[in-house]
Amino acid sequence: MSPITVVEGRRLSLTNLDKVLYPGTGTTKGEVLHYCTTTAGPLLSHLRDRPLSFLRYPDGPDGQRFFTKNVPPGAPSWVKTCEVPHSASGPTRQVLLQDLPSLVWAANLVVELHTPQWTCRAPGIADRLVFDLDPGAPATVVECCTAAQWLHDRLAADGLDVHAKTSGAKGLHLVVPVEPTPAERTTAYAKAVAVEAAAALPELVVHKMTKTLRPGKVFIDFSQNAAAKTTAAAYTLRARDTPTVSAPVTWDEIADCTDPQHLTFLFGEIAPRLARHGDLLAPLLDPDRARPLPAARHSRARETPQRSRPARRSP
């Protein structure tokens, strides 16, 4: 019989707590649930009001994996949902994780958490801009860091506040709070900046998804700004051999990165990082930090700025 636990007054049946989900470390499902509960504060703050897409991997990363946006069968009636418009299939309902019981329920399904750049209050109207930096082997996150610093300087020149996190896989995500903007416009802006980056750093960066162009370079994926696209949420675990996390990082850590292990964080490292830094992505939650996108983009690529380290953040 599955153990029953009560979380903030909600009864939950938790299953297979001793199952090993991450073979590289022997990490069990029970340990995954513990991580989610102890990281619930910052994790939930970045999920609030954002319709969830789940990458489910109930038997670990080597088992069956499937991506779903629909509310999973058997979801408790108290798990909040929202209606999300879809141009092809019509409106659907997706999960919102607004509280600890809902988060524990989702974690029991064994999921990666992915969110759009908009909330259910304004579907398709972005309040975040994202750049997904994906290295093509033999490039690694080290090369992503060089591209990230160029992008930081370029976006800062447009008055934008840039924050970074690891993808939890191979690369980096740059996230920018923006004033509410149609996703079509944020996508167009992100594409224009990615094109500039590829022109300024031709030996390092590509902005096209074509696989033959990507070996040894950093692909700047701007398409995740599209209304229908999603990005791995901050603090989510990823479906990999070890329990890596999409972890916020400082710009000093990016500037100092010379080895991929410098920016690889397992779930056991997140609590100490939160104790030291707090939530490095908390500014994304402050509407006063959001800035408007420039009214127009220049077609001419700018010269590559000098490699510079953004102002050091206090621990």
C-alpha atoms as a PDB file:
ATOM      1  CA  MET A   1       0.000   0.000   0.000  1.00  0.00           C
ATOM      2  CA  SER A   2       1.353   3.428  -0.938  1.00  0.00           C
ATOM      3  CA  PRO A   3       2.127   5.711   2.007  1.00  0.00           C
ATOM      4  CA  ILE A   4      -0.253   8.598   2.562  1.00  0.00           C
ATOM      5  CA  THR A   5       1.103  11.950   3.615  1.00  0.00           C
ATOM      6  CA  VAL A   6      -0.698  15.180   4.436  1.00  0.00           C
ATOM      7  CA  VAL A   7       0.769  18.358   2.984  1.00  0.00           C
ATOM      8  CA  GLU A   8      -0.849  21.585   4.151  1.00  0.00           C
ATOM      9  CA  GLY A   9      -4.107  19.727   4.712  1.00  0.00           C
ATOM     10  CA  ARG A  10      -4.077  17.841   1.396  1.00  0.00           C
ATOM     11  CA  ARG A  11      -3.819  14.035   1.424  1.00  0.00           C
ATOM     12  CA  LEU A  12      -1.354  12.606  -1.079  1.00  0.00           C
ATOM     13  CA  SER A  13      -0.463   9.032  -1.969  1.00  0.00           C
ATOM     14  CA  LEU A  14       3.287   8.828  -2.620  1.00  0.00           C
ATOM     15  CA  THR A  15       4.532   5.844  -4.604  1.00  0.00           C
ATOM     16  CA  ASN A  16       7.826   3.949  -5.067  1.00  0.00           C
ATOM     17  CA  LEU A  17       9.853   6.203  -2.796  1.00  0.00           C
ATOM     18  CA  ASP A  18      12.818   3.810  -2.861  1.00  0.00           C
ATOM     19  CA  LYS A  19      12.973   3.626  -6.671  1.00  0.00           C
ATOM     20  CA  VAL A  20      16.325   4.811  -8.049  1.00  0.00           C
ATOM     21  CA  LEU A  21      15.637   7.560 -10.583  1.00  0.00           C
ATOM     22  CA  TYR A  22      19.202   8.744 -11.187  1.00  0.00           C
ATOM     23  CA  PRO A  23      21.524   5.769 -11.709  1.00  0.00           C
ATOM     24  CA  GLY A  24      24.673   7.883 -11.758  1.00  0.00           C
ATOM     25  CA  THR A  25      24.227   8.820  -8.090  1.00  0.00           C
ATOM     26  CA  GLY A  26      21.716   6.251  -6.850  1.00  0.00           C
ATOM     27  CA  THR A  27      19.268   9.071  -6.115  1.00  0.00           C
ATOM     28  CA  THR A  28      15.813   7.820  -5.163  1.00  0.00           C
ATOM     29  CA  LYS A  29      12.361   9.201  -5.764  1.00  0.00           C
ATOM     30  CA  GLY A  30      12.060   9.948  -2.056  1.00  0.00           C
ATOM     31  CA  GLU A  31      15.157  12.146  -2.264  1.00  0.00           C
ATOM     32  CA  VAL A  32      13.682  13.937  -5.286  1.00  0.00           C
ATOM     33  CA  LEU A  33      10.517  14.692  -3.319  1.00  0.00           C
ATOM     34  CA  HIS A  34      12.628  15.984  -0.431  1.00  0.00           C
ATOM     35  CA  TYR A  35      14.499  18.316  -2.807  1.00  0.00           C
ATOM     36  CA  CYS A  36      11.249  19.725  -4.186  1.00  0.00           C
ATOM     37  CA  THR A  37       9.820  20.398  -0.726  1.00  0.00           C
ATOM     38  CA  THR A  38      12.975  22.060   0.594  1.00  0.00           C
ATOM     39  CA  THR A  39      13.311  24.222  -2.539  1.00  0.00           C
ATOM     40  CA  ALA A  40       9.592  24.933  -2.817  1.00  0.00           C
ATOM     41  CA  GLY A  41       9.839  28.645  -1.964  1.00  0.00           C
ATOM     42  CA  PRO A  42      11.919  29.860  -4.912  1.00  0.00           C
ATOM     43  CA  LEU A  43      10.712  27.074  -7.208  1.00  0.00           C
ATOM     44  CA  LEU A  44       7.036  27.954  -6.745  1.00  0.00           C
ATOM     45  CA  SER A  45       7.722  31.678  -7.074  1.00  0.00           C
ATOM     46  CA  HIS A  46       9.012  31.148 -10.638  1.00  0.00           C
ATOM     47  CA  LEU A  47       6.134  28.791 -11.518  1.00  0.00           C
ATOM     48  CA  ARG A  48       3.310  30.972 -10.204  1.00  0.00           C
ATOM     49  CA  ASP A  49       0.533  31.600 -12.719  1.00  0.00           C
ATOM     50  CA  ARG A  50       2.494  29.918 -15.516  1.00  0.00           C
ATOM     51  CA  PRO A  51       0.805  26.962 -17.245  1.00  0.00           C
ATOM     52  CA  LEU A  52       3.024  23.907 -16.902  1.00  0.00           C
ATOM     53  CA  SER A  53       4.300  21.494 -19.498  1.00  0.00           C
ATOM     54  CA  PHE A  54       5.715  18.270 -18.070  1.00  0.00           C
ATOM     55  CA  LEU A  55       8.500  16.063 -19.350  1.00  0.00           C
ATOM     56  CA  ARG A  56       7.679  12.853 -17.472  1.00  0.00           C
ATOM     57  CA  TYR A  57      10.306  10.173 -16.810  1.00  0.00           C
ATOM     58  CA  PRO A  58       8.727   7.890 -14.164  1.00  0.00           C
ATOM     59  CA  ASP A  59      11.365   5.164 -14.572  1.00  0.00           C
ATOM     60  CA  GLY A  60      14.345   7.504 -14.659  1.00  0.00           C
ATOM     61  CA  PRO A  61      16.151   9.133 -17.601  1.00  0.00           C
ATOM     62  CA  ASP A  62      16.900   5.785 -19.248  1.00  0.00           C
ATOM     63  CA  GLY A  63      13.227   4.761 -19.249  1.00  0.00           C
ATOM     64  CA  GLN A  64      10.276   6.027 -21.229  1.00  0.00           C
ATOM     65  CA  ARG A  65      10.047   9.812 -21.477  1.00  0.00           C
ATOM     66  CA  PHE A  66       7.080  11.756 -22.767  1.00  0.00           C
ATOM     67  CA  PHE A  67       6.118  15.418 -22.954  1.00  0.00           C
ATOM     68  CA  THR A  68       2.617  16.562 -22.067  1.00  0.00           C
ATOM     69  CA  LYS A  69       0.832  19.873 -21.736  1.00  0.00           C
ATOM     70  CA  ASN A  70      -2.571  18.466 -20.813  1.00  0.00           C
ATOM     71  CA  VAL A  71      -3.672  17.919 -17.213  1.00  0.00           C
ATOM     72  CA  PRO A  72      -2.475  14.386 -16.296  1.00  0.00           C
ATOM     73  CA  PRO A  73      -5.218  11.792 -15.686  1.00  0.00           C
ATOM     74  CA  GLY A  74      -6.072  11.405 -12.017  1.00  0.00           C
ATOM     75  CA  ALA A  75      -4.981  14.914 -11.033  1.00  0.00           C
ATOM     76  CA  PRO A  76      -6.617  15.892  -7.731  1.00  0.00           C
ATOM     77  CA  SER A  77      -9.535  18.275  -8.034  1.00  0.00           C
ATOM     78  CA  TRP A  78      -7.712  20.813  -5.863  1.00  0.00           C
ATOM     79  CA  VAL A  79      -4.802  21.180  -8.313  1.00  0.00           C
ATOM     80  CA  LYS A  80      -5.408  24.469 -10.082  1.00  0.00           C
ATOM     81  CA  THR A  81      -5.573  24.613 -13.870  1.00  0.00           C
ATOM     82  CA  CYS A  82      -6.039  27.301 -16.494  1.00  0.00           C
ATOM     83  CA  GLU A  83      -7.411  27.419 -20.002  1.00  0.00           C
ATOM     84  CA  VAL A  84      -4.734  28.002 -22.614  1.00  0.00           C
ATOM     85  CA  PRO A  85      -5.572  28.963 -26.202  1.00  0.00           C
ATOM     86  CA  HIS A  86      -4.086  26.924 -29.044  1.00  0.00           C
ATOM     87  CA  SER A  87      -4.470  28.056 -32.626  1.00  0.00           C
ATOM     88  CA  ALA A  88      -4.665  24.542 -34.071  1.00  0.00           C
ATOM     89  CA  SER A  89      -6.573  22.466 -31.527  1.00  0.00           C
ATOM     90  CA  GLY A  90      -8.551  25.105 -29.691  1.00  0.00           C
ATOM     91  CA  PRO A  91      -8.284  25.839 -25.953  1.00  0.00           C
ATOM     92  CA  THR A  92      -6.899  23.228 -23.570  1.00  0.00           C
ATOM     93  CA  ARG A  93      -6.398  23.102 -19.817  1.00  0.00           C
ATOM     94  CA  GLN A  94      -2.947  23.005 -18.241  1.00  0.00           C
ATOM     95  CA  VAL A  95      -1.735  22.658 -14.673  1.00  0.00           C
ATOM     96  CA  LEU A  96      -0.744  25.560 -12.457  1.00  0.00           C
ATOM     97  CA  LEU A  97       1.523  24.754  -9.512  1.00  0.00           C
ATOM     98  CA  GLN A  98       0.541  27.403  -6.991  1.00  0.00           C
ATOM     99  CA  ASP A  99       1.224  25.710  -3.655  1.00  0.00           C
ATOM    100  CA  LEU A 100       3.264  23.035  -1.910  1.00  0.00           C
ATOM    101  CA  PRO A 101       0.687  20.209  -2.123  1.00  0.00           C
ATOM    102  CA  SER A 102       0.429  20.675  -5.891  1.00  0.00           C
ATOM    103  CA  LEU A 103       4.216  20.692  -6.226  1.00  0.00           C
ATOM    104  CA  VAL A 104       4.536  17.451  -4.230  1.00  0.00           C
ATOM    105  CA  TRP A 105       1.792  15.863  -6.353  1.00  0.00           C
ATOM    106  CA  ALA A 106       3.677  16.818  -9.542  1.00  0.00           C
ATOM    107  CA  ALA A 107       7.027  15.664  -8.147  1.00  0.00           C
ATOM    108  CA  ASN A 108       5.481  12.277  -7.367  1.00  0.00           C
ATOM    109  CA  LEU A 109       4.823  11.926 -11.117  1.00  0.00           C
ATOM    110  CA  VAL A 110       8.581  12.487 -11.736  1.00  0.00           C
ATOM    111  CA  VAL A 111       8.653  15.483 -14.060  1.00  0.00           C
ATOM    112  CA  GLU A 112      10.769  18.230 -15.511  1.00  0.00           C
ATOM    113  CA  LEU A 113       8.879  21.515 -15.263  1.00  0.00           C
ATOM    114  CA  HIS A 114       8.689  23.760 -18.320  1.00  0.00           C
ATOM    115  CA  THR A 115       6.988  27.154 -18.554  1.00  0.00           C
ATOM    116  CA  PRO A 116       6.197  29.730 -21.253  1.00  0.00           C
ATOM    117  CA  GLN A 117       7.425  33.315 -21.032  1.00  0.00           C
ATOM    118  CA  TRP A 118       3.911  34.524 -20.118  1.00  0.00           C
ATOM    119  CA  THR A 119       1.368  33.905 -17.373  1.00  0.00           C
ATOM    120  CA  CYS A 120      -2.227  32.689 -17.470  1.00  0.00           C
ATOM    121  CA  ARG A 121      -3.352  36.255 -16.755  1.00  0.00           C
ATOM    122  CA  ALA A 122      -2.223  37.314 -20.244  1.00  0.00           C
ATOM    123  CA  PRO A 123      -1.617  34.366 -22.591  1.00  0.00           C
ATOM    124  CA  GLY A 124       0.892  35.189 -25.315  1.00  0.00           C
ATOM    125  CA  ILE A 125       1.937  38.467 -23.680  1.00  0.00           C
ATOM    126  CA  ALA A 126       5.491  37.926 -22.505  1.00  0.00           C
ATOM    127  CA  ASP A 127       6.926  39.315 -19.290  1.00  0.00           C
ATOM    128  CA  ARG A 128      10.250  37.584 -19.860  1.00  0.00           C
ATOM    129  CA  LEU A 129      12.719  37.344 -22.699  1.00  0.00           C
ATOM    130  CA  VAL A 130      14.888  34.225 -22.933  1.00  0.00           C
ATOM    131  CA  PHE A 131      17.986  33.130 -24.840  1.00  0.00           C
ATOM    132  CA  ASP A 132      18.845  29.418 -24.735  1.00  0.00           C
ATOM    133  CA  LEU A 133      22.575  28.934 -25.357  1.00  0.00           C
ATOM    134  CA  ASP A 134      23.132  25.375 -26.566  1.00  0.00           C
ATOM    135  CA  PRO A 135      26.705  24.202 -27.264  1.00  0.00           C
ATOM    136  CA  GLY A 136      27.454  21.818 -30.118  1.00  0.00           C
ATOM    137  CA  ALA A 137      30.213  19.358 -29.221  1.00  0.00           C
ATOM    138  CA  PRO A 138      33.097  19.747 -28.754  1.00  0.00           C
ATOM    139  CA  ALA A 139      31.938  23.155 -27.466  1.00  0.00           C
ATOM    140  CA  THR A 140      30.670  23.167 -23.878  1.00  0.00           C
ATOM    141  CA  VAL A 141      29.150  25.568 -21.393  1.00  0.00           C
ATOM    142  CA  VAL A 142      32.567  27.271 -21.283  1.00  0.00           C
ATOM    143  CA  GLU A 143      31.987  28.583 -24.814  1.00  0.00           C
ATOM    144  CA  CYS A 144      28.411  29.454 -23.803  1.00  0.00           C
ATOM    145  CA  CYS A 145      29.852  31.706 -21.104  1.00  0.00           C
ATOM    146  CA  THR A 146      31.782  33.739 -23.681  1.00  0.00           C
ATOM    147  CA  ALA A 147      28.635  34.160 -25.775  1.00  0.00           C
ATOM    148  CA  ALA A 148      26.636  35.002 -22.638  1.00  0.00           C
ATOM    149  CA  GLN A 149      28.957  37.860 -21.726  1.00  0.00           C
ATOM    150  CA  TRP A 150      28.631  39.323 -25.224  1.00  0.00           C
ATOM    151  CA  LEU A 151      24.857  39.070 -24.957  1.00  0.00           C
ATOM    152  CA  HIS A 152      24.894  40.625 -21.485  1.00  0.00           C
ATOM    153  CA  ASP A 153      26.717  43.685 -22.785  1.00  0.00           C
ATOM    154  CA  ARG A 154      24.532  43.910 -25.879  1.00  0.00           C
ATOM    155  CA  LEU A 155      21.274  43.672 -23.942  1.00  0.00           C
ATOM    156  CA  ALA A 156      22.509  46.051 -21.248  1.00  0.00           C
ATOM    157  CA  ALA A 157      23.163  48.588 -24.008  1.00  0.00           C
ATOM    158  CA  ASP A 158      19.417  48.443 -24.669  1.00  0.00           C
ATOM    159  CA  GLY A 159      18.712  49.075 -20.996  1.00  0.00           C
ATOM    160  CA  LEU A 160      17.757  45.488 -20.180  1.00  0.00           C
ATOM    161  CA  ASP A 161      18.466  43.645 -16.916  1.00  0.00           C
ATOM    162  CA  VAL A 162      19.993  40.235 -17.725  1.00  0.00           C
ATOM    163  CA  HIS A 163      20.066  37.194 -15.441  1.00  0.00           C
ATOM    164  CA  ALA A 164      21.519  33.742 -16.006  1.00  0.00           C
ATOM    165  CA  LYS A 165      20.936  30.143 -15.031  1.00  0.00           C
ATOM    166  CA  THR A 166      22.291  26.841 -16.182  1.00  0.00           C
ATOM    167  CA  SER A 167      19.984  24.813 -18.361  1.00  0.00           C
ATOM    168  CA  GLY A 168      20.656  21.809 -16.149  1.00  0.00           C
ATOM    169  CA  ALA A 169      21.783  20.006 -19.308  1.00  0.00           C
ATOM    170  CA  LYS A 170      24.677  21.373 -21.400  1.00  0.00           C
ATOM    171  CA  GLY A 171      24.146  25.095 -21.745  1.00  0.00           C
ATOM    172  CA  LEU A 172      22.927  28.365 -20.290  1.00  0.00           C
ATOM    173  CA  HIS A 173      19.691  30.335 -20.220  1.00  0.00           C
ATOM    174  CA  LEU A 174      19.698  34.123 -20.157  1.00  0.00           C
ATOM    175  CA  VAL A 175      16.451  35.580 -18.820  1.00  0.00           C
ATOM    176  CA  VAL A 176      15.374  39.218 -19.007  1.00  0.00           C
ATOM    177  CA  PRO A 177      12.338  40.808 -17.310  1.00  0.00           C
ATOM    178  CA  VAL A 178      10.424  42.901 -19.835  1.00  0.00           C
ATOM    179  CA  GLU A 179       7.313  45.017 -19.762  1.00  0.00           C
ATOM    180  CA  PRO A 180       4.303  43.087 -21.115  1.00  0.00           C
ATOM    181  CA  THR A 181       5.017  42.554 -24.811  1.00  0.00           C
ATOM    182  CA  PRO A 182       3.384  40.348 -27.467  1.00  0.00           C
ATOM    183  CA  ALA A 183       5.402  37.171 -27.935  1.00  0.00           C
ATOM    184  CA  GLU A 184       5.772  37.887 -31.646  1.00  0.00           C
ATOM    185  CA  ARG A 185       7.691  41.038 -30.811  1.00  0.00           C
ATOM    186  CA  THR A 186       9.935  39.492 -28.152  1.00  0.00           C
ATOM    187  CA  THR A 187      10.744  36.696 -30.600  1.00  0.00           C
ATOM    188  CA  ALA A 188      11.632  39.187 -33.337  1.00  0.00           C
ATOM    189  CA  TYR A 189      13.861  41.160 -30.959  1.00  0.00           C
ATOM    190  CA  ALA A 190      15.604  38.019 -29.702  1.00  0.00           C
ATOM    191  CA  LYS A 191      16.204  36.843 -33.259  1.00  0.00           C
ATOM    192  CA  ALA A 192      17.719  40.192 -34.240  1.00  0.00           C
ATOM    193  CA  VAL A 193      20.104  40.072 -31.263  1.00  0.00           C
ATOM    194  CA  ALA A 194      21.055  36.457 -32.064  1.00  0.00           C
ATOM    195  CA  VAL A 195      21.823  37.465 -35.660  1.00  0.00           C
ATOM    196  CA  GLU A 196      24.022  40.287 -34.367  1.00  0.00           C
ATOM    197  CA  ALA A 197      25.836  37.873 -32.058  1.00  0.00           C
ATOM    198  CA  ALA A 198      26.516  35.461 -34.923  1.00  0.00           C
ATOM    199  CA  ALA A 199      27.890  38.317 -37.031  1.00  0.00           C
ATOM    200  CA  ALA A 200      30.072  39.647 -34.192  1.00  0.00           C
ATOM    201  CA  LEU A 201      31.327  36.212 -33.080  1.00  0.00           C
ATOM    202  CA  PRO A 202      31.302  34.144 -36.286  1.00  0.00           C
ATOM    203  CA  GLU A 203      33.787  31.561 -35.011  1.00  0.00           C
ATOM    204  CA  LEU A 204      31.737  30.977 -31.872  1.00  0.00           C
ATOM    205  CA  VAL A 205      28.023  31.591 -32.435  1.00  0.00           C
ATOM    206  CA  VAL A 206      25.294  30.447 -34.817  1.00  0.00           C
ATOM    207  CA  HIS A 207      21.683  31.589 -34.806  1.00  0.00           C
ATOM    208  CA  LYS A 208      20.322  28.917 -37.163  1.00  0.00           C
ATOM    209  CA  MET A 209      19.187  25.497 -35.935  1.00  0.00           C
ATOM    210  CA  THR A 210      20.785  23.667 -38.894  1.00  0.00           C
ATOM    211  CA  LYS A 211      22.728  20.795 -37.334  1.00  0.00           C
ATOM    212  CA  THR A 212      25.616  20.955 -39.795  1.00  0.00           C
ATOM    213  CA  LEU A 213      26.392  24.512 -38.634  1.00  0.00           C
ATOM    214  CA  ARG A 214      26.484  23.730 -34.923  1.00  0.00           C
ATOM    215  CA  PRO A 215      29.508  21.489 -34.135  1.00  0.00           C
ATOM    216  CA  GLY A 216      31.987  23.423 -31.996  1.00  0.00           C
ATOM    217  CA  LYS A 217      29.726  26.467 -31.789  1.00  0.00           C
ATOM    218  CA  VAL A 218      27.052  27.913 -29.525  1.00  0.00           C
ATOM    219  CA  PHE A 219      23.553  27.930 -30.963  1.00  0.00           C
ATOM    220  CA  ILE A 220      21.537  30.881 -29.641  1.00  0.00           C
ATOM    221  CA  ASP A 221      17.980  29.583 -29.641  1.00  0.00           C
ATOM    222  CA  PHE A 222      15.675  32.594 -29.688  1.00  0.00           C
ATOM    223  CA  SER A 223      12.601  30.565 -30.690  1.00  0.00           C
ATOM    224  CA  GLN A 224      11.657  29.762 -27.094  1.00  0.00           C
ATOM    225  CA  ASN A 225      10.155  33.245 -26.929  1.00  0.00           C
ATOM    226  CA  ALA A 226       7.330  32.119 -29.216  1.00  0.00           C
ATOM    227  CA  ALA A 227       3.994  31.939 -27.388  1.00  0.00           C
ATOM    228  CA  ALA A 228       3.690  28.170 -27.899  1.00  0.00           C
ATOM    229  CA  LYS A 229       7.228  27.361 -26.709  1.00  0.00           C
ATOM    230  CA  THR A 230       8.454  26.614 -23.188  1.00  0.00           C
ATOM    231  CA  THR A 231      11.762  26.623 -21.299  1.00  0.00           C
ATOM    232  CA  ALA A 232      12.940  24.534 -18.346  1.00  0.00           C
ATOM    233  CA  ALA A 233      11.966  26.382 -15.172  1.00  0.00           C
ATOM    234  CA  ALA A 234      14.471  27.668 -12.650  1.00  0.00           C
ATOM    235  CA  TYR A 235      15.301  25.025 -10.009  1.00  0.00           C
ATOM    236  CA  THR A 236      13.686  22.156 -11.918  1.00  0.00           C
ATOM    237  CA  LEU A 237      15.478  18.810 -11.923  1.00  0.00           C
ATOM    238  CA  ARG A 238      16.420  17.478 -15.348  1.00  0.00           C
ATOM    239  CA  ALA A 239      16.049  13.960 -16.775  1.00  0.00           C
ATOM    240  CA  ARG A 240      19.737  13.086 -16.936  1.00  0.00           C
ATOM    241  CA  ASP A 241      22.037  10.423 -15.511  1.00  0.00           C
ATOM    242  CA  THR A 242      22.617  12.538 -12.402  1.00  0.00           C
ATOM    243  CA  PRO A 243      20.148  14.915 -10.655  1.00  0.00           C
ATOM    244  CA  THR A 244      21.274  18.154 -12.271  1.00  0.00           C
ATOM    245  CA  VAL A 245      19.288  21.329 -11.720  1.00  0.00           C
ATOM    246  CA  SER A 246      18.572  24.396 -13.829  1.00  0.00           C
ATOM    247  CA  ALA A 247      20.393  26.621 -11.328  1.00  0.00           C
ATOM    248  CA  PRO A 248      20.724  30.411 -11.215  1.00  0.00           C
ATOM    249  CA  VAL A 249      24.339  31.581 -11.431  1.00  0.00           C
ATOM    250  CA  THR A 250      26.219  34.830 -10.916  1.00  0.00           C
ATOM    251  CA  TRP A 251      27.976  36.758 -13.655  1.00  0.00           C
ATOM    252  CA  ASP A 252      31.228  36.266 -11.775  1.00  0.00           C
ATOM    253  CA  GLU A 253      30.735  32.501 -12.034  1.00  0.00           C
ATOM    254  CA  ILE A 254      30.154  32.872 -15.759  1.00  0.00           C
ATOM    255  CA  ALA A 255      33.255  35.037 -16.217  1.00  0.00           C
ATOM    256  CA  ASP A 256      35.386  32.593 -14.220  1.00  0.00           C
ATOM    257  CA  CYS A 257      34.144  29.383 -15.853  1.00  0.00           C
ATOM    258  CA  THR A 258      36.977  27.395 -17.448  1.00  0.00           C
ATOM    259  CA  ASP A 259      35.569  23.882 -17.007  1.00  0.00           C
ATOM    260  CA  PRO A 260      32.018  22.540 -17.560  1.00  0.00           C
ATOM    261  CA  GLN A 261      31.996  21.185 -14.000  1.00  0.00           C
ATOM    262  CA  HIS A 262      32.196  24.755 -12.704  1.00  0.00           C
ATOM    263  CA  LEU A 263      28.605  25.268 -13.851  1.00  0.00           C
ATOM    264  CA  THR A 264      27.144  21.828 -13.209  1.00  0.00           C
ATOM    265  CA  PHE A 265      24.998  21.733 -10.081  1.00  0.00           C
ATOM    266  CA  LEU A 266      23.388  18.686  -8.492  1.00  0.00           C
ATOM    267  CA  PHE A 267      20.281  18.973  -6.359  1.00  0.00           C
ATOM    268  CA  GLY A 268      22.255  18.690  -3.108  1.00  0.00           C
ATOM    269  CA  GLU A 269      24.124  21.894  -3.944  1.00  0.00           C
ATOM    270  CA  ILE A 270      21.060  24.102  -4.298  1.00  0.00           C
ATOM    271  CA  ALA A 271      20.240  24.627  -0.601  1.00  0.00           C
ATOM    272  CA  PRO A 272      23.787  25.868   0.193  1.00  0.00           C
ATOM    273  CA  ARG A 273      23.662  28.163  -2.848  1.00  0.00           C
ATOM    274  CA  LEU A 274      20.333  29.603  -1.725  1.00  0.00           C
ATOM    275  CA  ALA A 275      21.758  30.139   1.757  1.00  0.00           C
ATOM    276  CA  ARG A 276      24.738  31.980   0.290  1.00  0.00           C
ATOM    277  CA  HIS A 277      23.185  33.953  -2.570  1.00  0.00           C
ATOM    278  CA  GLY A 278      19.458  33.889  -1.977  1.00  0.00           C
ATOM    279  CA  ASP A 279      17.401  33.515  -5.140  1.00  0.00           C
ATOM    280  CA  LEU A 280      19.571  35.076  -7.846  1.00  0.00           C
ATOM    281  CA  LEU A 281      16.532  35.255 -10.114  1.00  0.00           C
ATOM    282  CA  ALA A 282      14.350  37.114  -7.607  1.00  0.00           C
ATOM    283  CA  PRO A 283      14.657  40.334  -9.684  1.00  0.00           C
ATOM    284  CA  LEU A 284      12.569  38.615 -12.366  1.00  0.00           C
ATOM    285  CA  LEU A 285       9.658  38.735  -9.916  1.00  0.00           C
ATOM    286  CA  ASP A 286       9.945  42.485  -9.334  1.00  0.00           C
ATOM    287  CA  PRO A 287       7.811  44.386 -11.872  1.00  0.00           C
ATOM    288  CA  ASP A 288       9.953  47.481 -11.307  1.00  0.00           C
ATOM    289  CA  ARG A 289      12.910  45.661 -12.898  1.00  0.00           C
ATOM    290  CA  ALA A 290      11.047  45.086 -16.174  1.00  0.00           C
ATOM    291  CA  ARG A 291      12.034  47.319 -19.069  1.00  0.00           C
ATOM    292  CA  PRO A 292      10.505  47.975 -22.487  1.00  0.00           C
ATOM    293  CA  LEU A 293      12.073  46.516 -25.588  1.00  0.00           C
ATOM    294  CA  PRO A 294      13.650  49.057 -27.952  1.00  0.00           C
ATOM    295  CA  ALA A 295      11.168  50.517 -30.404  1.00  0.00           C
ATOM    296  CA  ALA A 296      13.208  49.361 -33.394  1.00  0.00           C
ATOM    297  CA  ARG A 297      16.244  47.226 -34.179  1.00  0.00           C
ATOM    298  CA  HIS A 298      19.240  48.289 -36.236  1.00  0.00           C
ATOM    299  CA  SER A 299      20.103  45.901 -39.051  1.00  0.00           C
ATOM    300  CA  ARG A 300      23.823  46.602 -38.802  1.00  0.00           C
ATOM    301  CA  ALA A 301      25.650  44.200 -36.492  1.00  0.00           C
ATOM    302  CA  ARG A 302      27.592  45.976 -33.813  1.00  0.00           C
ATOM    303  CA  GLU A 303      31.276  45.505 -33.270  1.00  0.00           C
ATOM    304  CA  THR A 304      32.215  42.888 -30.715  1.00  0.00           C
ATOM    305  CA  PRO A 305      32.559  44.635 -27.332  1.00  0.00           C
ATOM    306  CA  GLN A 306      35.637  44.153 -25.211  1.00  0.00           C
ATOM    307  CA  ARG A 307      35.367  41.123 -22.955  1.00  0.00           C
ATOM    308  CA  SER A 308      34.282  42.651 -19.681  1.00  0.00           C
ATOM    309  CA  ARG A 309      32.993  41.357 -16.414  1.00  0.00           C
ATOM    310  CA  PRO A 310      29.658  42.771 -15.285  1.00  0.00           C
ATOM    311  CA  ALA A 311      29.644  44.430 -11.881  1.00  0.00           C
ATOM    312  CA  ARG A 312      30.244  41.894  -9.116  1.00  0.00           C
ATOM    313  CA  ARG A 313      27.169  40.933  -7.144  1.00  0.00           C
ATOM    314  CA  SER A 314      27.495  40.609  -3.413  1.00  0.00           C
ATOM    315  CA  PRO A 315      27.064  37.041  -2.123  1.00  0.00           C
END
